[in-house]
Amino acid sequence: MDPVDSETVKIALRAQGTRLHQHEEQLGAINLGVRELTCRQENFQASVNTQVNHLAEQLHRVLAHLEAG
């Protein structure tokens, strides 16, 4: 192989390696963001569920009071 061609290939491979590393870092950051978002969503859903259950209990108390009264 011609030394010039060899050097061109090495440069191209280094550039590809650099891009690959950048993509790996970006994917890692995206993965972390998705995991954090999932955790927040689960916490939000649990909070909404608790509030809905609390409202349902209050509604049952009001209905029971109205039926008794």
Protein backbone atom coordinates (compact mmCIF):
# COMPACT_ATOMS: atom_id res chain seq x y z
CA MET A 1 0.00 0.00 0.00
CA ASP A 2 1.22 3.47 -0.88
CA PRO A 3 2.39 5.38 2.26
CA VAL A 4 0.16 8.32 1.30
CA ASP A 5 -2.86 6.04 1.05
CA SER A 6 -1.90 4.42 4.35
CA GLU A 7 -1.72 7.80 6.06
CA THR A 8 -5.09 8.80 4.56
CA VAL A 9 -6.65 5.61 5.90
CA LYS A 10 -5.16 6.23 9.36
CA ILE A 11 -6.52 9.77 9.41
CA ALA A 12 -9.94 8.57 8.30
CA LEU A 13 -9.95 5.83 10.95
CA ARG A 14 -8.98 8.31 13.68
CA ALA A 15 -11.76 10.65 12.57
CA GLN A 16 -14.26 7.79 12.64
CA GLY A 17 -13.03 6.76 16.09
CA THR A 18 -13.46 10.31 17.34
CA ARG A 19 -17.00 10.48 15.95
CA LEU A 20 -17.83 7.10 17.41
CA HIS A 21 -16.61 8.21 20.83
CA GLN A 22 -18.70 11.39 20.59
CA HIS A 23 -21.76 9.35 19.65
CA GLU A 24 -21.17 6.98 22.56
CA GLU A 25 -21.01 9.94 24.94
CA GLN A 26 -24.18 11.44 23.47
CA LEU A 27 -26.02 8.13 23.70
CA GLY A 28 -24.89 7.75 27.31
CA ALA A 29 -26.25 11.19 28.14
CA ILE A 30 -29.53 10.43 26.37
CA ASN A 31 -29.80 7.12 28.22
CA LEU A 32 -29.25 8.87 31.55
CA GLY A 33 -31.87 11.48 30.66
CA VAL A 34 -34.40 8.80 29.73
CA ARG A 35 -33.78 6.96 33.01
CA GLU A 36 -34.21 10.19 34.99
CA LEU A 37 -37.37 11.03 33.07
CA THR A 38 -38.74 7.54 33.72
CA CYS A 39 -38.12 7.93 37.43
CA ARG A 40 -39.83 11.33 37.50
CA GLN A 41 -42.79 9.96 35.55
CA GLU A 42 -43.15 7.04 37.97
CA ASN A 43 -43.06 9.46 40.92
CA PHE A 44 -45.62 11.69 39.23
CA GLN A 45 -47.92 8.74 38.54
CA ALA A 46 -47.66 7.60 42.17
CA SER A 47 -48.48 11.12 43.35
CA VAL A 48 -51.50 11.38 41.04
CA ASN A 49 -52.68 7.94 42.16
CA THR A 50 -52.44 8.99 45.82
CA GLN A 51 -54.37 12.18 45.15
CA VAL A 52 -57.10 10.36 43.20
CA ASN A 53 -57.46 7.82 45.99
CA HIS A 54 -57.67 10.61 48.56
CA LEU A 55 -60.34 12.40 46.52
CA ALA A 56 -62.30 9.16 46.14
CA GLU A 57 -62.24 8.64 49.92
CA GLN A 58 -63.47 12.19 50.48
CA LEU A 59 -66.23 11.71 47.90
CA HIS A 60 -67.38 8.50 49.62
CA ARG A 61 -67.48 10.31 52.98
CA VAL A 62 -69.54 13.14 51.51
CA LEU A 63 -71.95 10.70 49.84
CA ALA A 64 -72.27 8.69 53.05
CA HIS A 65 -72.99 11.87 54.99
CA LEU A 66 -75.62 12.96 52.45
CA GLU A 67 -77.29 9.53 52.48
CA ALA A 68 -77.32 9.50 56.29
CA GLY A 69 -78.61 13.06 56.56
